[in-house]
Each structure stands twice: as structure tokens, then as C-alpha cells.
C-alpha atoms as a PDB file:
ATOM      1  CA  MET A   1     -13.874 -11.361 -16.037  1.00  0.00           C
ATOM      2  CA  LEU A   2     -16.546 -10.192 -18.453  1.00  0.00           C
ATOM      3  CA  SER A   3     -17.305  -7.103 -16.381  1.00  0.00           C
ATOM      4  CA  PHE A   4     -13.573  -6.276 -16.295  1.00  0.00           C
ATOM      5  CA  LEU A   5     -13.440  -6.462 -20.096  1.00  0.00           C
ATOM      6  CA  LEU A   6     -16.567  -4.340 -20.335  1.00  0.00           C
ATOM      7  CA  ALA A   7     -14.973  -1.707 -18.094  1.00  0.00           C
ATOM      8  CA  LEU A   8     -11.828  -1.691 -20.220  1.00  0.00           C
ATOM      9  CA  VAL A   9     -13.782  -1.284 -23.432  1.00  0.00           C
ATOM     10  CA  LEU A  10     -15.921   1.533 -22.064  1.00  0.00           C
ATOM     11  CA  LEU A  11     -13.065   3.412 -20.391  1.00  0.00           C
ATOM     12  CA  TYR A  12     -10.313   3.118 -22.982  1.00  0.00           C
ATOM     13  CA  ASN A  13     -12.312   2.941 -26.203  1.00  0.00           C
ATOM     14  CA  LYS A  14     -10.937   5.459 -28.718  1.00  0.00           C
ATOM     15  CA  TRP A  15     -11.631   3.837 -32.058  1.00  0.00           C
ATOM     16  CA  PHE A  16     -14.985   2.059 -31.815  1.00  0.00           C
ATOM     17  CA  VAL A  17     -18.052   4.231 -31.287  1.00  0.00           C
ATOM     18  CA  LEU A  18     -20.587   2.413 -29.107  1.00  0.00           C
ATOM     19  CA  ASN A  19     -23.926   3.969 -29.911  1.00  0.00           C
ATOM     20  CA  ASN A  20     -27.022   3.246 -31.962  1.00  0.00           C
ATOM     21  CA  GLY A  21     -27.499  -0.188 -30.480  1.00  0.00           C
ATOM     22  CA  LEU A  22     -23.893  -1.368 -30.653  1.00  0.00           C
ATOM     23  CA  LEU A  23     -23.800  -1.688 -26.866  1.00  0.00           C
ATOM     24  CA  VAL A  24     -26.125  -4.670 -27.289  1.00  0.00           C
ATOM     25  CA  LEU A  25     -23.096  -6.622 -28.457  1.00  0.00           C
ATOM     26  CA  ILE A  26     -21.542  -6.111 -25.034  1.00  0.00           C
ATOM     27  CA  PHE A  27     -24.572  -6.188 -22.745  1.00  0.00           C
ATOM     28  CA  LEU A  28     -26.493  -9.089 -24.282  1.00  0.00           C
ATOM     29  CA  PRO A  29     -23.912 -11.721 -23.263  1.00  0.00           C
ATOM     30  CA  LEU A  30     -23.590 -10.031 -19.867  1.00  0.00           C
ATOM     31  CA  ILE A  31     -27.361 -10.158 -19.293  1.00  0.00           C
ATOM     32  CA  LEU A  32     -27.552 -13.772 -20.445  1.00  0.00           C
ATOM     33  CA  LEU A  33     -24.736 -14.777 -18.104  1.00  0.00           C
ATOM     34  CA  ILE A  34     -26.302 -12.981 -15.162  1.00  0.00           C
ATOM     35  CA  SER A  35     -29.770 -14.410 -15.821  1.00  0.00           C
ATOM     36  CA  SER A  36     -28.497 -17.992 -15.993  1.00  0.00           C
ATOM     37  CA  ASN A  37     -26.416 -17.647 -12.841  1.00  0.00           C
ATOM     38  CA  THR A  38     -27.664 -18.764  -9.444  1.00  0.00           C
ATOM     39  CA  GLY A  39     -24.763 -17.268  -7.540  1.00  0.00           C
ATOM     40  CA  MET A  40     -24.234 -14.225  -5.395  1.00  0.00           C
ATOM     41  CA  LEU A  41     -25.101 -11.670  -8.085  1.00  0.00           C
ATOM     42  CA  THR A  42     -28.471 -13.317  -8.730  1.00  0.00           C
ATOM     43  CA  ARG A  43     -29.255 -13.505  -5.001  1.00  0.00           C
ATOM     44  CA  LEU A  44     -28.374  -9.825  -4.706  1.00  0.00           C
ATOM     45  CA  GLY A  45     -30.705  -8.952  -7.589  1.00  0.00           C
ATOM     46  CA  ARG A  46     -33.545 -10.884  -5.973  1.00  0.00           C
ATOM     47  CA  SER A  47     -33.151  -9.259  -2.567  1.00  0.00           C
ATOM     48  CA  LYS A  48     -36.047  -7.224  -1.161  1.00  0.00           C
ATOM     49  CA  TRP A  49     -34.038  -4.010  -1.451  1.00  0.00           C
ATOM     50  CA  ALA A  50     -33.246  -4.574  -5.143  1.00  0.00           C
ATOM     51  CA  VAL A  51     -36.860  -5.508  -5.902  1.00  0.00           C
ATOM     52  CA  PHE A  52     -38.029  -2.392  -4.045  1.00  0.00           C
ATOM     53  CA  LEU A  53     -35.685  -0.208  -6.106  1.00  0.00           C
ATOM     54  CA  GLY A  54     -36.996  -1.860  -9.256  1.00  0.00           C
ATOM     55  CA  GLU A  55     -40.571  -1.142  -8.228  1.00  0.00           C
ATOM     56  CA  ILE A  56     -39.940   2.553  -7.546  1.00  0.00           C
ATOM     57  CA  SER A  57     -37.587   3.072 -10.505  1.00  0.00           C
ATOM     58  CA  TYR A  58     -40.294   4.527 -12.753  1.00  0.00           C
ATOM     59  CA  GLY A  59     -41.169   7.079 -10.084  1.00  0.00           C
ATOM     60  CA  MET A  60     -37.498   7.932  -9.684  1.00  0.00           C
ATOM     61  CA  TYR A  61     -37.275   8.531 -13.426  1.00  0.00           C
ATOM     62  CA  ILE A  62     -40.408  10.710 -13.472  1.00  0.00           C
ATOM     63  CA  PHE A  63     -39.767  12.700 -10.280  1.00  0.00           C
ATOM     64  CA  GLN A  64     -36.009  13.222 -10.680  1.00  0.00           C
ATOM     65  CA  LEU A  65     -36.157  16.692 -12.224  1.00  0.00           C
ATOM     66  CA  PRO A  66     -38.907  18.159 -10.010  1.00  0.00           C
ATOM     67  CA  VAL A  67     -37.359  16.816  -6.800  1.00  0.00           C
ATOM     68  CA  PHE A  68     -33.872  18.116  -7.553  1.00  0.00           C
ATOM     69  CA  LEU A  69     -35.203  21.501  -8.718  1.00  0.00           C
ATOM     70  CA  PHE A  70     -37.276  21.789  -5.533  1.00  0.00           C
ATOM     71  CA  LEU A  71     -34.253  20.845  -3.451  1.00  0.00           C
ATOM     72  CA  LYS A  72     -32.061  23.351  -5.291  1.00  0.00           C
ATOM     73  CA  LEU A  73     -34.548  26.104  -4.468  1.00  0.00           C
ATOM     74  CA  GLY A  74     -34.527  25.001  -0.832  1.00  0.00           C
ATOM     75  CA  PHE A  75     -30.741  25.119  -0.686  1.00  0.00           C
ATOM     76  CA  LYS A  76     -30.799  28.614  -2.228  1.00  0.00           C
ATOM     77  CA  GLN A  77     -33.326  29.766   0.381  1.00  0.00           C
ATOM     78  CA  ILE A  78     -31.129  28.692   3.283  1.00  0.00           C
ATOM     79  CA  GLY A  79     -27.955  29.927   1.584  1.00  0.00           C
ATOM     80  CA  TYR A  80     -26.038  26.676   1.844  1.00  0.00           C
ATOM     81  CA  PHE A  81     -24.774  24.351  -0.854  1.00  0.00           C
ATOM     82  CA  HIS A  82     -22.431  21.398  -0.648  1.00  0.00           C
ATOM     83  CA  PRO A  83     -22.443  18.977  -3.613  1.00  0.00           C
ATOM     84  CA  LEU A  84     -22.399  15.781  -1.533  1.00  0.00           C
ATOM     85  CA  VAL A  85     -25.081  16.978   0.871  1.00  0.00           C
ATOM     86  CA  PHE A  86     -27.189  18.101  -2.094  1.00  0.00           C
ATOM     87  CA  PHE A  87     -26.770  14.774  -3.902  1.00  0.00           C
ATOM     88  CA  TYR A  88     -27.500  12.485  -0.955  1.00  0.00           C
ATOM     89  CA  SER A  89     -30.379  14.554   0.380  1.00  0.00           C
ATOM     90  CA  GLY A  90     -31.811  14.678  -3.147  1.00  0.00           C
ATOM     91  CA  LEU A  91     -31.396  10.933  -3.545  1.00  0.00           C
ATOM     92  CA  PHE A  92     -33.116  10.293  -0.211  1.00  0.00           C
ATOM     93  CA  LEU A  93     -35.958  12.701  -1.038  1.00  0.00           C
ATOM     94  CA  LEU A  94     -36.322  11.203  -4.529  1.00  0.00           C
ATOM     95  CA  MET A  95     -36.554   7.672  -3.144  1.00  0.00           C
ATOM     96  CA  ALA A  96     -39.088   8.788  -0.530  1.00  0.00           C
ATOM     97  CA  VAL A  97     -41.289  10.585  -3.073  1.00  0.00           C
ATOM     98  CA  SER A  98     -41.044   7.625  -5.467  1.00  0.00           C
ATOM     99  CA  ALA A  99     -41.937   5.129  -2.720  1.00  0.00           C
ATOM    100  CA  VAL A 100     -44.972   7.179  -1.669  1.00  0.00           C
ATOM    101  CA  SER A 101     -46.012   7.528  -5.301  1.00  0.00           C
ATOM    102  CA  PHE A 102     -45.641   3.792  -5.850  1.00  0.00           C
ATOM    103  CA  ARG A 103     -47.648   2.909  -2.748  1.00  0.00           C
ATOM    104  CA  TYR A 104     -50.471   5.423  -3.069  1.00  0.00           C
ATOM    105  CA  ILE A 105     -50.721   6.037  -6.831  1.00  0.00           C
ATOM    106  CA  GLU A 106     -49.182   3.196  -8.846  1.00  0.00           C
ATOM    107  CA  MET A 107     -50.370   0.249  -6.735  1.00  0.00           C
ATOM    108  CA  PRO A 108     -54.037   1.350  -6.631  1.00  0.00           C
ATOM    109  CA  ILE A 109     -53.983   2.015 -10.378  1.00  0.00           C
ATOM    110  CA  ARG A 110     -52.468  -1.434 -11.002  1.00  0.00           C
ATOM    111  CA  ALA A 111     -55.134  -3.058  -8.832  1.00  0.00           C
ATOM    112  CA  TRP A 112     -57.882  -1.157 -10.637  1.00  0.00           C
ATOM    113  CA  MET A 113     -56.463  -2.119 -14.042  1.00  0.00           C
ATOM    114  CA  LYS A 114     -56.298  -5.800 -13.054  1.00  0.00           C
ATOM    115  CA  LYS A 115     -59.869  -5.637 -11.793  1.00  0.00           C
ATOM    116  CA  GLU A 116     -61.066  -3.979 -14.996  1.00  0.00           C
ATOM    117  CA  ALA A 117     -59.188  -6.474 -17.155  1.00  0.00           C
ATOM    118  CA  GLY A 118     -60.855  -9.309 -15.242  1.00  0.00           C
ATOM    119  CA  HIS A 119     -64.302  -7.802 -15.803  1.00  0.00           C
ATOM    120  CA  GLN A 120     -63.684  -7.385 -19.511  1.00  0.00           C
ATOM    121  CA  SER A 121     -62.733 -11.003 -19.978  1.00  0.00           C
ATOM    122  CA  THR A 122     -66.052 -12.202 -18.541  1.00  0.00           C
ATOM    123  CA  GLN A 123     -68.202  -9.941 -20.703  1.00  0.00           C
ATOM    124  CA  THR A 124     -69.898 -11.296 -23.796  1.00  0.00           C
ATOM    125  CA  PRO A 125     -68.264 -10.247 -27.060  1.00  0.00           C
ATOM    126  CA  LEU A 126     -69.929  -7.573 -29.171  1.00  0.00           C
ATOM    127  CA  ILE A 127     -69.731  -9.669 -32.324  1.00  0.00           C
ATOM    128  CA  LYS A 128     -70.636 -13.315 -32.052  1.00  0.00           C
ATOM    129  CA  ASN A 129     -69.167 -15.920 -34.360  1.00  0.00           C
ATOM    130  CA  LYS A 130     -71.746 -17.480 -36.670  1.00  0.00           C
ATOM    131  CA  LYS A 131     -71.294 -21.163 -37.340  1.00  0.00           C
END
């Protein structure tokens, strides 16, 4: 019901400009309802596929432009362009590049940062408290 109302507001809104943080008024109750739910939507959000997409989402954000520009050059080289083929092949390539980046760049950096944070917590402080 709430998502139906949200769709109506976003599609047929002519008088109320929803920018500069005003969307919080709509999405905050939606997020609270979803987070307190233990139904199908919550199970879907906790699935391995959804978690995987969440993990690679930063890479998808970062690599989106280079991947689609590279793909556009490739399509120009072969002299073929169809919007759906371009979109889905770009999406597949973007997910693949993001997954490889997550596995071989982000995960090792995270492990190194955790290791370094653990070492720092066991070191003696530079300034000792005088009592």
C-alpha cells in the first residue's frame, strides 16, 4: 500500500517539488517499515544474491562510466549497436568487473585495514596519563 502511494506521488506529482531532502519524508517511513518486517521482502533483501549486489555496489558505482565507454568503443569497432544488447552486455560486464575488483582489491584492503587496526589497539599510547 505504501509503495503504491509512493509510486503515485512520484509519477503524478505536479505541485510539490521533492528535492533537497524532502524525499526523506517519503522514504523514512518506508525504510522503517521494511527494516521491522520479517516477511518476504526482508528475506529477499537478506538473500545471498542481494548481499552480493550490496558488496559489489561500490565497484559498480566507480566502474560504471569506464565500462560503458569501453563497451561503446567495442560496439563501434564491430559496427553493431542495439540498445538492449548494449545495456545487458554492459550490465553483465560491469557486474563482472565489480565482482573481480571486490574479490581481489577491496577484500584484501579490508583485511589489511582490520589487521592494522588490531595492531594499533595493542600499541602503547604516545602520551601516558599521569595520576
